[in-house]
């Protein structure tokens, strides 16, 4: 099964399979987008310090358990570029990202073009872009911060803005990250922490500060 999932990337699916691939990708994208819109209509969102997440030139950061909540609240970032898992089964997520305003989705992850993807993302950020990262993803362990976001911040000079979510009512999904879903009528409170600048020689202290802020 794992060989089937990793046989093709989103950018190298063979021509004979592309009609089915696009049907799957856009069909799944419609389902995900509809779910996000329905959840957004059923909850009330409150922001703390939203200006810290507004505009461009920022790296937003949250735990992977909050990825659905992130799409529900849609932080007001501009000129967004994201790195996302590159394999074919992730195409609905790539479609969703485009429909919620991400201008450039860069396929890549650890062991699958991740370094080249980070290089491209760094170039886009240097020209005024912004991004969001979930530093314990894509496979965990949960709340164990990987240093990629710190290296990216040090390389680009952009601040990391930690984002936290508090829910009055929620459901946890099965899986390594126990993704959080808001229940109908829930209040979703989004808190943006102090922007964190990272220097190459201060990665350890920056890691501790970011984990505490998340």
N, C-alpha and C. Protein backbone atom coordinates (compact mmCIF):
# COMPACT_ATOMS: atom_id res chain seq x y z
N UNK A 1 0.82 -1.20 0.00
CA UNK A 1 0.00 0.00 0.00
C UNK A 1 0.86 1.26 0.00
N UNK A 2 1.93 1.27 0.82
CA UNK A 2 2.78 2.45 0.91
C UNK A 2 3.47 2.72 -0.42
N UNK A 3 3.83 1.66 -1.17
CA UNK A 3 4.46 1.86 -2.47
C UNK A 3 3.49 2.49 -3.45
N UNK A 4 2.22 2.12 -3.37
CA UNK A 4 1.22 2.73 -4.24
C UNK A 4 1.06 4.21 -3.92
N UNK A 5 1.05 4.55 -2.63
CA UNK A 5 0.86 5.94 -2.23
C UNK A 5 2.02 6.83 -2.64
N UNK A 6 3.23 6.26 -2.70
CA UNK A 6 4.40 7.08 -3.00
C UNK A 6 4.94 6.86 -4.41
N UNK A 7 4.18 6.18 -5.25
CA UNK A 7 4.66 5.88 -6.60
C UNK A 7 4.74 7.13 -7.46
N UNK A 8 3.75 8.02 -7.30
CA UNK A 8 3.72 9.24 -8.10
C UNK A 8 3.60 10.47 -7.20
N UNK A 9 4.22 11.55 -7.66
CA UNK A 9 4.02 12.85 -7.05
C UNK A 9 2.89 13.58 -7.79
N UNK A 10 2.43 14.68 -7.20
CA UNK A 10 1.37 15.44 -7.86
C UNK A 10 1.83 16.02 -9.19
N UNK A 11 3.15 16.17 -9.36
CA UNK A 11 3.66 16.78 -10.58
C UNK A 11 4.25 15.80 -11.58
N UNK A 12 4.09 14.48 -11.34
CA UNK A 12 4.61 13.53 -12.33
C UNK A 12 3.66 12.36 -12.60
N UNK A 13 2.35 12.58 -12.36
CA UNK A 13 1.36 11.55 -12.67
C UNK A 13 1.33 11.34 -14.19
N UNK A 14 1.41 10.10 -14.69
CA UNK A 14 1.45 9.85 -16.14
C UNK A 14 0.18 10.36 -16.84
N UNK A 15 0.35 10.73 -18.09
CA UNK A 15 -0.77 11.27 -18.86
C UNK A 15 -2.00 10.36 -18.87
N UNK A 16 -1.85 9.06 -19.06
CA UNK A 16 -3.06 8.22 -19.09
C UNK A 16 -3.87 8.25 -17.80
N UNK A 17 -3.21 8.54 -16.68
CA UNK A 17 -3.90 8.56 -15.39
C UNK A 17 -4.39 9.95 -14.99
N UNK A 18 -4.02 10.97 -15.74
CA UNK A 18 -4.33 12.33 -15.31
C UNK A 18 -5.82 12.66 -15.26
N UNK A 19 -6.66 12.18 -16.18
CA UNK A 19 -8.09 12.48 -16.04
C UNK A 19 -8.65 12.00 -14.70
N UNK A 20 -8.31 10.75 -14.31
CA UNK A 20 -8.77 10.25 -13.01
C UNK A 20 -8.14 11.02 -11.86
N UNK A 21 -6.88 11.37 -12.03
CA UNK A 21 -6.17 12.12 -11.00
C UNK A 21 -6.83 13.48 -10.77
N UNK A 22 -7.17 14.17 -11.86
CA UNK A 22 -7.80 15.49 -11.71
C UNK A 22 -9.22 15.36 -11.16
N UNK A 23 -9.93 14.32 -11.56
CA UNK A 23 -11.26 14.09 -11.02
C UNK A 23 -11.19 13.88 -9.51
N UNK A 24 -10.25 13.04 -9.09
CA UNK A 24 -10.05 12.80 -7.66
C UNK A 24 -9.63 14.08 -6.94
N UNK A 25 -8.68 14.81 -7.54
CA UNK A 25 -8.16 16.00 -6.88
C UNK A 25 -9.19 17.09 -6.70
N UNK A 26 -9.91 17.42 -7.78
CA UNK A 26 -10.89 18.50 -7.69
C UNK A 26 -12.15 18.04 -6.95
N UNK A 27 -12.53 16.77 -7.11
CA UNK A 27 -13.67 16.27 -6.36
C UNK A 27 -13.40 16.29 -4.87
N UNK A 28 -12.21 15.80 -4.48
CA UNK A 28 -11.85 15.84 -3.07
C UNK A 28 -11.70 17.27 -2.57
N UNK A 29 -11.18 18.16 -3.43
CA UNK A 29 -11.04 19.56 -3.05
C UNK A 29 -12.38 20.21 -2.77
N UNK A 30 -13.40 19.89 -3.57
CA UNK A 30 -14.75 20.41 -3.35
C UNK A 30 -15.26 19.97 -1.98
N UNK A 31 -15.06 18.69 -1.65
CA UNK A 31 -15.54 18.16 -0.37
C UNK A 31 -14.84 18.88 0.79
N UNK A 32 -13.53 19.03 0.72
CA UNK A 32 -12.79 19.69 1.79
C UNK A 32 -13.19 21.15 1.92
N UNK A 33 -13.33 21.84 0.79
CA UNK A 33 -13.72 23.25 0.84
C UNK A 33 -15.12 23.42 1.42
N UNK A 34 -16.03 22.53 1.03
CA UNK A 34 -17.39 22.60 1.58
C UNK A 34 -17.39 22.35 3.08
N UNK A 35 -16.58 21.38 3.54
CA UNK A 35 -16.49 21.10 4.97
C UNK A 35 -15.99 22.33 5.72
N UNK A 36 -14.96 22.98 5.19
CA UNK A 36 -14.42 24.17 5.84
C UNK A 36 -15.47 25.28 5.91
N UNK A 37 -16.20 25.49 4.82
CA UNK A 37 -17.21 26.54 4.81
C UNK A 37 -18.35 26.24 5.79
N UNK A 38 -18.77 24.97 5.86
CA UNK A 38 -19.83 24.60 6.79
C UNK A 38 -19.38 24.83 8.23
N UNK A 39 -18.16 24.37 8.56
CA UNK A 39 -17.65 24.56 9.91
C UNK A 39 -17.56 26.05 10.25
N UNK A 40 -17.11 26.84 9.28
CA UNK A 40 -16.98 28.29 9.54
C UNK A 40 -18.34 28.92 9.83
N UNK A 41 -19.38 28.45 9.15
CA UNK A 41 -20.71 29.01 9.34
C UNK A 41 -21.31 28.62 10.69
N UNK A 42 -20.81 27.54 11.30
CA UNK A 42 -21.41 27.02 12.52
C UNK A 42 -20.71 27.46 13.79
N UNK A 43 -19.61 28.21 13.65
CA UNK A 43 -18.85 28.61 14.84
C UNK A 43 -18.69 30.13 14.86
N UNK A 44 -18.27 30.62 16.01
CA UNK A 44 -17.95 32.04 16.16
C UNK A 44 -16.46 32.17 16.43
N UNK A 45 -15.79 33.01 15.65
CA UNK A 45 -14.34 33.15 15.74
C UNK A 45 -14.00 34.47 16.43
N UNK A 46 -13.11 34.39 17.40
CA UNK A 46 -12.61 35.59 18.09
C UNK A 46 -11.09 35.61 17.96
N UNK A 47 -10.56 36.78 17.62
CA UNK A 47 -9.12 36.92 17.42
C UNK A 47 -8.50 37.76 18.53
N UNK A 48 -7.31 37.35 18.98
CA UNK A 48 -6.47 38.18 19.83
C UNK A 48 -5.22 38.56 19.04
N UNK A 49 -4.94 39.87 18.95
CA UNK A 49 -3.74 40.36 18.28
C UNK A 49 -3.67 39.90 16.82
N UNK A 50 -4.78 40.06 16.10
CA UNK A 50 -4.84 39.61 14.71
C UNK A 50 -3.84 40.34 13.83
N UNK A 51 -3.45 41.56 14.20
CA UNK A 51 -2.50 42.32 13.37
C UNK A 51 -1.17 41.59 13.21
N UNK A 52 -0.84 40.74 14.17
CA UNK A 52 0.42 40.00 14.07
C UNK A 52 0.38 38.96 12.96
N UNK A 53 -0.83 38.57 12.53
CA UNK A 53 -0.99 37.56 11.48
C UNK A 53 -1.45 38.18 10.17
N UNK A 54 -1.45 39.50 10.07
CA UNK A 54 -1.98 40.17 8.89
C UNK A 54 -0.85 40.58 7.94
N UNK A 55 -1.14 40.50 6.64
CA UNK A 55 -0.19 40.99 5.65
C UNK A 55 0.77 39.92 5.18
N UNK A 56 1.98 40.33 4.82
CA UNK A 56 2.99 39.41 4.29
C UNK A 56 4.26 39.53 5.10
N UNK A 57 5.28 38.74 4.72
CA UNK A 57 6.54 38.77 5.44
C UNK A 57 6.47 38.14 6.80
N UNK A 58 5.67 37.06 6.93
CA UNK A 58 5.53 36.37 8.20
C UNK A 58 5.53 34.86 8.00
N UNK A 59 5.96 34.16 9.03
CA UNK A 59 5.87 32.70 9.07
C UNK A 59 4.96 32.34 10.23
N UNK A 60 3.71 32.00 9.92
CA UNK A 60 2.80 31.57 10.98
C UNK A 60 3.10 30.11 11.34
N UNK A 61 2.88 29.78 12.60
CA UNK A 61 3.27 28.46 13.09
C UNK A 61 2.23 27.96 14.09
N UNK A 62 1.77 26.72 13.92
CA UNK A 62 0.81 26.11 14.83
C UNK A 62 1.05 24.61 14.86
N UNK A 63 0.59 23.94 15.90
CA UNK A 63 0.70 22.48 15.95
C UNK A 63 -0.22 21.85 14.91
N UNK A 64 0.16 20.68 14.43
CA UNK A 64 -0.56 20.01 13.36
C UNK A 64 -1.99 19.64 13.76
N UNK A 65 -2.26 19.48 15.02
CA UNK A 65 -3.61 19.15 15.48
C UNK A 65 -4.61 20.25 15.12
N UNK A 66 -4.10 21.46 14.83
CA UNK A 66 -4.95 22.61 14.54
C UNK A 66 -5.10 22.89 13.06
N UNK A 67 -4.69 21.97 12.18
CA UNK A 67 -4.69 22.28 10.76
C UNK A 67 -6.09 22.54 10.23
N UNK A 68 -7.10 21.79 10.68
CA UNK A 68 -8.47 22.05 10.23
C UNK A 68 -8.94 23.40 10.74
N UNK A 69 -8.65 23.70 11.98
CA UNK A 69 -9.04 25.00 12.55
C UNK A 69 -8.41 26.14 11.78
N UNK A 70 -7.19 25.95 11.34
CA UNK A 70 -6.51 27.00 10.57
C UNK A 70 -7.31 27.35 9.33
N UNK A 71 -7.79 26.33 8.61
CA UNK A 71 -8.56 26.60 7.40
C UNK A 71 -9.92 27.23 7.74
N UNK A 72 -10.48 26.86 8.88
CA UNK A 72 -11.77 27.43 9.28
C UNK A 72 -11.65 28.92 9.56
N UNK A 73 -10.61 29.34 10.28
CA UNK A 73 -10.49 30.75 10.67
C UNK A 73 -9.81 31.60 9.59
N UNK A 74 -8.94 31.00 8.77
CA UNK A 74 -8.28 31.68 7.65
C UNK A 74 -7.59 32.97 8.07
N UNK A 75 -6.40 32.85 8.68
CA UNK A 75 -5.64 34.06 9.04
C UNK A 75 -5.41 34.94 7.81
N UNK A 76 -5.40 36.27 8.02
CA UNK A 76 -5.35 37.21 6.89
C UNK A 76 -3.96 37.43 6.32
N UNK A 77 -3.25 36.37 6.02
CA UNK A 77 -1.95 36.49 5.38
C UNK A 77 -2.11 36.88 3.92
N UNK A 78 -1.10 37.57 3.39
CA UNK A 78 -1.09 37.92 1.97
C UNK A 78 0.10 37.24 1.30
N UNK A 79 -0.03 37.02 -0.02
CA UNK A 79 1.05 36.45 -0.84
C UNK A 79 1.57 35.14 -0.23
N UNK A 80 0.67 34.23 0.00
CA UNK A 80 1.04 32.99 0.67
C UNK A 80 1.67 31.97 -0.27
N UNK A 81 2.69 31.30 0.21
CA UNK A 81 3.28 30.13 -0.44
C UNK A 81 3.46 29.06 0.63
N UNK A 82 3.10 27.85 0.29
CA UNK A 82 3.19 26.74 1.25
C UNK A 82 3.99 25.59 0.67
N UNK A 83 4.74 24.92 1.53
CA UNK A 83 5.26 23.59 1.21
C UNK A 83 4.23 22.57 1.66
N UNK A 84 3.93 21.60 0.81
CA UNK A 84 2.98 20.56 1.21
C UNK A 84 3.43 19.22 0.66
N UNK A 85 3.02 18.15 1.34
CA UNK A 85 3.37 16.79 0.98
C UNK A 85 3.20 16.58 -0.53
N UNK A 86 4.16 15.96 -1.22
CA UNK A 86 4.16 15.97 -2.68
C UNK A 86 3.42 14.83 -3.36
N UNK A 87 2.96 13.82 -2.63
CA UNK A 87 2.46 12.63 -3.31
C UNK A 87 1.04 12.82 -3.81
N UNK A 88 0.67 12.02 -4.80
CA UNK A 88 -0.56 12.21 -5.57
C UNK A 88 -1.81 12.27 -4.71
N UNK A 89 -1.84 11.52 -3.61
CA UNK A 89 -3.07 11.47 -2.80
C UNK A 89 -3.32 12.78 -2.06
N UNK A 90 -2.33 13.70 -2.06
CA UNK A 90 -2.51 14.99 -1.41
C UNK A 90 -3.11 16.04 -2.32
N UNK A 91 -3.43 15.68 -3.57
CA UNK A 91 -3.94 16.66 -4.52
C UNK A 91 -5.18 17.40 -4.01
N UNK A 92 -6.17 16.76 -3.35
CA UNK A 92 -7.30 17.54 -2.83
C UNK A 92 -6.88 18.65 -1.86
N UNK A 93 -5.86 18.38 -1.06
CA UNK A 93 -5.38 19.41 -0.13
C UNK A 93 -4.74 20.56 -0.91
N UNK A 94 -3.99 20.25 -1.96
CA UNK A 94 -3.39 21.30 -2.78
C UNK A 94 -4.48 22.17 -3.42
N UNK A 95 -5.56 21.53 -3.88
CA UNK A 95 -6.68 22.27 -4.45
C UNK A 95 -7.31 23.17 -3.39
N UNK A 96 -7.51 22.63 -2.19
CA UNK A 96 -8.08 23.43 -1.10
C UNK A 96 -7.19 24.64 -0.81
N UNK A 97 -5.89 24.43 -0.74
CA UNK A 97 -4.98 25.54 -0.45
C UNK A 97 -5.13 26.65 -1.49
N UNK A 98 -5.21 26.27 -2.76
CA UNK A 98 -5.38 27.28 -3.81
C UNK A 98 -6.69 28.03 -3.64
N UNK A 99 -7.74 27.33 -3.27
CA UNK A 99 -9.06 27.97 -3.16
C UNK A 99 -9.19 28.86 -1.93
N UNK A 100 -8.34 28.67 -0.92
CA UNK A 100 -8.40 29.54 0.25
C UNK A 100 -7.36 30.65 0.18
N UNK A 101 -6.69 30.78 -0.96
CA UNK A 101 -5.84 31.95 -1.16
C UNK A 101 -4.35 31.73 -1.18
N UNK A 102 -3.88 30.49 -1.12
CA UNK A 102 -2.45 30.23 -1.21
C UNK A 102 -2.03 30.34 -2.68
N UNK A 103 -1.16 31.28 -2.98
CA UNK A 103 -0.81 31.55 -4.37
C UNK A 103 0.13 30.50 -4.96
N UNK A 104 0.96 29.89 -4.14
CA UNK A 104 1.93 28.92 -4.65
C UNK A 104 2.03 27.75 -3.69
N UNK A 105 1.72 26.55 -4.18
CA UNK A 105 1.88 25.33 -3.40
C UNK A 105 3.11 24.61 -3.93
N UNK A 106 4.10 24.41 -3.07
CA UNK A 106 5.38 23.82 -3.46
C UNK A 106 5.40 22.37 -2.97
N UNK A 107 5.39 21.39 -3.87
CA UNK A 107 5.41 19.99 -3.43
C UNK A 107 6.78 19.62 -2.84
N UNK A 108 6.77 19.07 -1.63
CA UNK A 108 8.02 18.64 -1.02
C UNK A 108 7.81 18.24 0.43
N UNK A 109 8.66 17.34 0.90
CA UNK A 109 8.67 16.95 2.31
C UNK A 109 9.99 16.24 2.57
N UNK A 110 10.24 15.90 3.81
CA UNK A 110 11.48 15.23 4.17
C UNK A 110 11.65 13.94 3.37
N UNK A 111 12.76 13.83 2.66
CA UNK A 111 13.03 12.65 1.85
C UNK A 111 12.34 12.64 0.50
N UNK A 112 11.60 13.69 0.18
CA UNK A 112 10.88 13.75 -1.10
C UNK A 112 10.95 15.17 -1.66
N UNK A 113 12.17 15.61 -1.92
CA UNK A 113 12.37 16.94 -2.49
C UNK A 113 12.21 18.06 -1.49
N UNK A 114 12.37 17.75 -0.21
CA UNK A 114 12.16 18.76 0.81
C UNK A 114 13.14 19.90 0.76
N UNK A 115 14.42 19.60 0.50
CA UNK A 115 15.44 20.66 0.50
C UNK A 115 15.21 21.64 -0.64
N UNK A 116 14.91 21.11 -1.83
CA UNK A 116 14.63 21.99 -2.97
C UNK A 116 13.38 22.82 -2.71
N UNK A 117 12.38 22.23 -2.06
CA UNK A 117 11.15 22.96 -1.75
C UNK A 117 11.43 24.11 -0.78
N UNK A 118 12.26 23.86 0.22
CA UNK A 118 12.61 24.91 1.17
C UNK A 118 13.37 26.03 0.47
N UNK A 119 14.28 25.67 -0.45
CA UNK A 119 15.01 26.70 -1.20
C UNK A 119 14.05 27.59 -1.98
N UNK A 120 13.08 26.98 -2.64
CA UNK A 120 12.12 27.77 -3.41
C UNK A 120 11.25 28.63 -2.49
N UNK A 121 10.81 28.06 -1.37
CA UNK A 121 10.01 28.83 -0.43
C UNK A 121 10.80 30.02 0.11
N UNK A 122 12.08 29.81 0.43
CA UNK A 122 12.90 30.90 0.94
C UNK A 122 13.01 32.03 -0.07
N UNK A 123 13.12 31.69 -1.35
CA UNK A 123 13.18 32.74 -2.39
C UNK A 123 11.88 33.53 -2.44
N UNK A 124 10.75 32.84 -2.33
CA UNK A 124 9.46 33.52 -2.36
C UNK A 124 9.27 34.41 -1.13
N UNK A 125 9.69 33.93 0.02
CA UNK A 125 9.59 34.74 1.23
C UNK A 125 10.49 35.97 1.16
N UNK A 126 11.67 35.81 0.57
CA UNK A 126 12.58 36.94 0.44
C UNK A 126 12.02 38.04 -0.44
N UNK A 127 11.09 37.67 -1.32
CA UNK A 127 10.48 38.68 -2.21
C UNK A 127 9.18 39.24 -1.64
N UNK A 128 8.91 38.97 -0.36
CA UNK A 128 7.75 39.56 0.29
C UNK A 128 6.61 38.60 0.55
N UNK A 129 6.83 37.31 0.41
CA UNK A 129 5.77 36.34 0.64
C UNK A 129 5.59 36.01 2.10
N UNK A 130 4.66 35.12 2.37
CA UNK A 130 4.39 34.65 3.72
C UNK A 130 4.05 33.17 3.64
N UNK A 131 4.08 32.49 4.79
CA UNK A 131 3.77 31.06 4.79
C UNK A 131 3.26 30.65 6.16
N UNK A 132 2.77 29.42 6.23
CA UNK A 132 2.37 28.80 7.50
C UNK A 132 2.99 27.42 7.57
N UNK A 133 3.47 27.05 8.76
CA UNK A 133 4.09 25.74 8.94
C UNK A 133 3.53 25.09 10.20
N UNK A 134 3.45 23.76 10.15
CA UNK A 134 3.01 22.95 11.28
C UNK A 134 4.19 22.06 11.67
N UNK A 135 5.03 22.51 12.60
CA UNK A 135 6.37 21.94 12.75
C UNK A 135 6.46 20.58 13.40
N UNK A 136 5.33 19.98 13.81
CA UNK A 136 5.37 18.60 14.27
C UNK A 136 4.84 17.65 13.20
N UNK A 137 4.49 18.18 12.04
CA UNK A 137 4.00 17.35 10.92
C UNK A 137 5.12 16.97 9.99
N UNK A 138 4.84 16.13 8.98
CA UNK A 138 3.51 15.59 8.67
C UNK A 138 3.18 14.28 9.39
N UNK A 139 4.15 13.71 10.13
CA UNK A 139 3.89 12.40 10.73
C UNK A 139 4.17 12.35 12.23
N UNK A 140 4.47 13.50 12.84
CA UNK A 140 4.67 13.53 14.28
C UNK A 140 6.07 13.17 14.72
N UNK A 141 6.23 12.89 16.02
CA UNK A 141 5.24 12.86 17.09
C UNK A 141 4.59 14.21 17.37
N UNK A 142 3.39 14.17 17.91
CA UNK A 142 2.66 15.39 18.18
C UNK A 142 3.41 16.27 19.18
N UNK A 143 3.42 17.57 18.91
CA UNK A 143 4.02 18.59 19.77
C UNK A 143 5.54 18.43 19.89
N UNK A 144 6.15 17.72 18.98
CA UNK A 144 7.61 17.62 18.95
C UNK A 144 8.10 18.47 17.78
N UNK A 145 8.65 19.62 18.10
CA UNK A 145 8.97 20.62 17.08
C UNK A 145 10.21 20.23 16.29
N UNK A 146 10.04 20.15 14.97
CA UNK A 146 11.17 19.96 14.06
C UNK A 146 11.75 21.32 13.73
N UNK A 147 13.05 21.37 13.48
CA UNK A 147 13.74 22.65 13.41
C UNK A 147 13.66 23.33 12.05
N UNK A 148 12.96 22.73 11.10
CA UNK A 148 12.89 23.34 9.77
C UNK A 148 12.35 24.76 9.80
N UNK A 149 11.33 25.01 10.60
CA UNK A 149 10.76 26.35 10.67
C UNK A 149 11.76 27.34 11.25
N UNK A 150 12.60 26.88 12.18
CA UNK A 150 13.61 27.76 12.76
C UNK A 150 14.69 28.09 11.74
N UNK A 151 15.14 27.08 11.00
CA UNK A 151 16.16 27.33 9.96
C UNK A 151 15.62 28.28 8.91
N UNK A 152 14.35 28.12 8.53
CA UNK A 152 13.76 28.99 7.52
C UNK A 152 13.70 30.43 8.03
N UNK A 153 13.31 30.60 9.28
CA UNK A 153 13.23 31.95 9.84
C UNK A 153 14.61 32.59 9.92
N UNK A 154 15.61 31.83 10.34
CA UNK A 154 16.97 32.37 10.42
C UNK A 154 17.49 32.73 9.03
N UNK A 155 17.19 31.92 8.06
CA UNK A 155 17.68 32.13 6.69
C UNK A 155 17.04 33.36 6.06
N UNK A 156 15.75 33.58 6.30
CA UNK A 156 15.03 34.67 5.64
C UNK A 156 14.98 35.95 6.46
N UNK A 157 15.22 35.83 7.77
CA UNK A 157 15.10 37.00 8.64
C UNK A 157 13.68 37.37 8.98
N UNK A 158 12.71 36.51 8.63
CA UNK A 158 11.31 36.80 8.91
C UNK A 158 10.93 36.30 10.30
N UNK A 159 9.97 36.96 10.93
CA UNK A 159 9.54 36.52 12.25
C UNK A 159 8.59 35.32 12.18
N UNK A 160 8.68 34.45 13.17
CA UNK A 160 7.70 33.39 13.36
C UNK A 160 6.61 33.91 14.28
N UNK A 161 5.35 33.75 13.85
CA UNK A 161 4.22 34.17 14.68
C UNK A 161 3.51 32.91 15.18
N UNK A 162 3.65 32.57 16.45
CA UNK A 162 2.95 31.37 16.98
C UNK A 162 1.46 31.63 17.08
N UNK A 163 0.67 30.62 16.69
CA UNK A 163 -0.79 30.75 16.70
C UNK A 163 -1.37 29.63 17.55
N UNK A 164 -2.21 30.00 18.51
CA UNK A 164 -2.86 29.04 19.39
C UNK A 164 -4.37 29.11 19.20
N UNK A 165 -5.04 27.98 19.44
CA UNK A 165 -6.49 27.90 19.28
C UNK A 165 -7.10 27.36 20.57
N UNK A 166 -8.14 28.04 21.05
CA UNK A 166 -8.91 27.55 22.20
C UNK A 166 -10.35 27.39 21.75
N UNK A 167 -10.96 26.25 22.07
CA UNK A 167 -12.33 25.95 21.64
C UNK A 167 -13.21 25.71 22.86
N UNK A 168 -14.42 26.25 22.78
CA UNK A 168 -15.37 26.00 23.87
C UNK A 168 -15.96 24.60 23.78
N UNK A 169 -16.06 24.04 22.56
CA UNK A 169 -16.56 22.67 22.36
C UNK A 169 -15.80 22.09 21.18
N UNK A 170 -15.32 20.87 21.31
CA UNK A 170 -14.53 20.30 20.24
C UNK A 170 -14.64 18.78 20.20
N UNK A 171 -14.26 18.25 19.04
CA UNK A 171 -14.18 16.81 18.81
C UNK A 171 -12.77 16.50 18.35
N UNK A 172 -12.22 15.39 18.85
CA UNK A 172 -10.88 14.97 18.44
C UNK A 172 -11.00 13.78 17.49
N UNK A 173 -10.29 13.86 16.36
CA UNK A 173 -10.30 12.77 15.39
C UNK A 173 -9.22 11.76 15.73
N UNK A 174 -9.37 10.51 15.30
CA UNK A 174 -8.30 9.53 15.49
C UNK A 174 -7.10 9.88 14.63
N UNK A 175 -5.94 9.38 15.00
CA UNK A 175 -4.72 9.66 14.26
C UNK A 175 -3.63 10.14 15.19
N UNK A 176 -2.42 10.21 14.65
CA UNK A 176 -1.27 10.56 15.50
C UNK A 176 -1.39 11.96 16.11
N UNK A 177 -2.04 12.90 15.39
CA UNK A 177 -2.10 14.27 15.88
C UNK A 177 -3.43 14.61 16.56
N UNK A 178 -4.41 13.67 16.51
CA UNK A 178 -5.73 13.92 17.14
C UNK A 178 -6.30 15.27 16.69
N UNK A 179 -6.47 15.45 15.40
CA UNK A 179 -6.94 16.72 14.85
C UNK A 179 -8.19 17.21 15.57
N UNK A 180 -8.27 18.52 15.76
CA UNK A 180 -9.36 19.14 16.50
C UNK A 180 -10.41 19.67 15.52
N UNK A 181 -11.67 19.35 15.79
CA UNK A 181 -12.79 19.88 15.02
C UNK A 181 -13.71 20.64 15.96
N UNK A 182 -14.13 21.85 15.58
CA UNK A 182 -15.10 22.56 16.42
C UNK A 182 -16.50 21.98 16.26
N UNK A 183 -17.23 21.87 17.34
CA UNK A 183 -18.62 21.42 17.29
C UNK A 183 -19.53 22.61 16.99
N UNK A 184 -20.71 22.36 16.43
CA UNK A 184 -21.63 23.47 16.13
C UNK A 184 -21.88 24.35 17.35
N UNK A 185 -21.82 25.65 17.13
CA UNK A 185 -22.04 26.60 18.20
C UNK A 185 -20.81 26.94 19.00
N UNK A 186 -19.67 26.32 18.68
CA UNK A 186 -18.45 26.55 19.45
C UNK A 186 -17.89 27.95 19.19
N UNK A 187 -17.19 28.46 20.19
CA UNK A 187 -16.41 29.68 20.04
C UNK A 187 -14.95 29.26 19.82
N UNK A 188 -14.37 29.73 18.73
CA UNK A 188 -12.97 29.44 18.41
C UNK A 188 -12.17 30.71 18.68
N UNK A 189 -11.34 30.67 19.69
CA UNK A 189 -10.51 31.84 20.04
C UNK A 189 -9.11 31.62 19.50
N UNK A 190 -8.67 32.56 18.69
CA UNK A 190 -7.37 32.45 18.03
C UNK A 190 -6.45 33.50 18.63
N UNK A 191 -5.32 33.05 19.16
CA UNK A 191 -4.36 33.96 19.80
C UNK A 191 -3.05 33.95 19.02
N UNK A 192 -2.58 35.13 18.65
CA UNK A 192 -1.30 35.26 17.95
C UNK A 192 -0.26 35.77 18.94
N UNK A 193 0.78 34.98 19.14
CA UNK A 193 1.80 35.34 20.11
C UNK A 193 2.77 36.37 19.57
N UNK A 194 3.70 36.77 20.43
CA UNK A 194 4.73 37.73 20.04
C UNK A 194 5.57 37.15 18.91
N UNK A 195 5.82 37.94 17.85
CA UNK A 195 6.69 37.47 16.76
C UNK A 195 8.08 37.12 17.30
N UNK A 196 8.62 36.02 16.78
CA UNK A 196 9.91 35.51 17.26
C UNK A 196 10.93 35.58 16.12
N UNK A 197 11.99 36.35 16.31
CA UNK A 197 13.09 36.40 15.35
C UNK A 197 14.14 35.37 15.76
N UNK A 198 14.72 34.70 14.77
CA UNK A 198 15.62 33.58 15.03
C UNK A 198 16.98 33.87 14.41
N UNK A 199 18.03 33.68 15.20
CA UNK A 199 19.41 33.79 14.70
C UNK A 199 20.03 32.41 14.59
N UNK A 200 20.97 32.24 13.65
CA UNK A 200 21.59 30.93 13.43
C UNK A 200 22.24 30.37 14.69
N UNK A 201 22.78 31.23 15.52
CA UNK A 201 23.49 30.76 16.72
C UNK A 201 22.59 30.68 17.95
N UNK A 202 21.27 30.81 17.76
CA UNK A 202 20.35 30.77 18.89
C UNK A 202 19.20 29.80 18.65
N UNK A 203 19.45 28.75 17.88
CA UNK A 203 18.37 27.83 17.52
C UNK A 203 17.79 27.12 18.73
N UNK A 204 18.64 26.72 19.66
CA UNK A 204 18.14 25.96 20.82
C UNK A 204 17.22 26.82 21.67
N UNK A 205 17.63 28.04 21.95
CA UNK A 205 16.79 28.92 22.77
C UNK A 205 15.52 29.31 22.01
N UNK A 206 15.63 29.50 20.70
CA UNK A 206 14.45 29.82 19.90
C UNK A 206 13.47 28.65 19.88
N UNK A 207 14.00 27.42 19.84
CA UNK A 207 13.15 26.24 19.85
C UNK A 207 12.37 26.17 21.15
N UNK A 208 13.03 26.41 22.27
CA UNK A 208 12.35 26.37 23.57
C UNK A 208 11.28 27.46 23.65
N UNK A 209 11.62 28.64 23.16
CA UNK A 209 10.66 29.75 23.22
C UNK A 209 9.44 29.48 22.35
N UNK A 210 9.65 28.88 21.16
CA UNK A 210 8.53 28.61 20.26
C UNK A 210 7.63 27.52 20.82
N UNK A 211 8.22 26.47 21.36
CA UNK A 211 7.41 25.39 21.96
C UNK A 211 6.56 25.96 23.10
N UNK A 212 7.14 26.81 23.91
CA UNK A 212 6.39 27.39 25.02
C UNK A 212 5.26 28.28 24.50
N UNK A 213 5.51 29.01 23.39
CA UNK A 213 4.50 29.92 22.85
C UNK A 213 3.35 29.17 22.19
N UNK A 214 3.62 27.95 21.70
CA UNK A 214 2.57 27.17 21.05
C UNK A 214 1.73 26.38 22.05
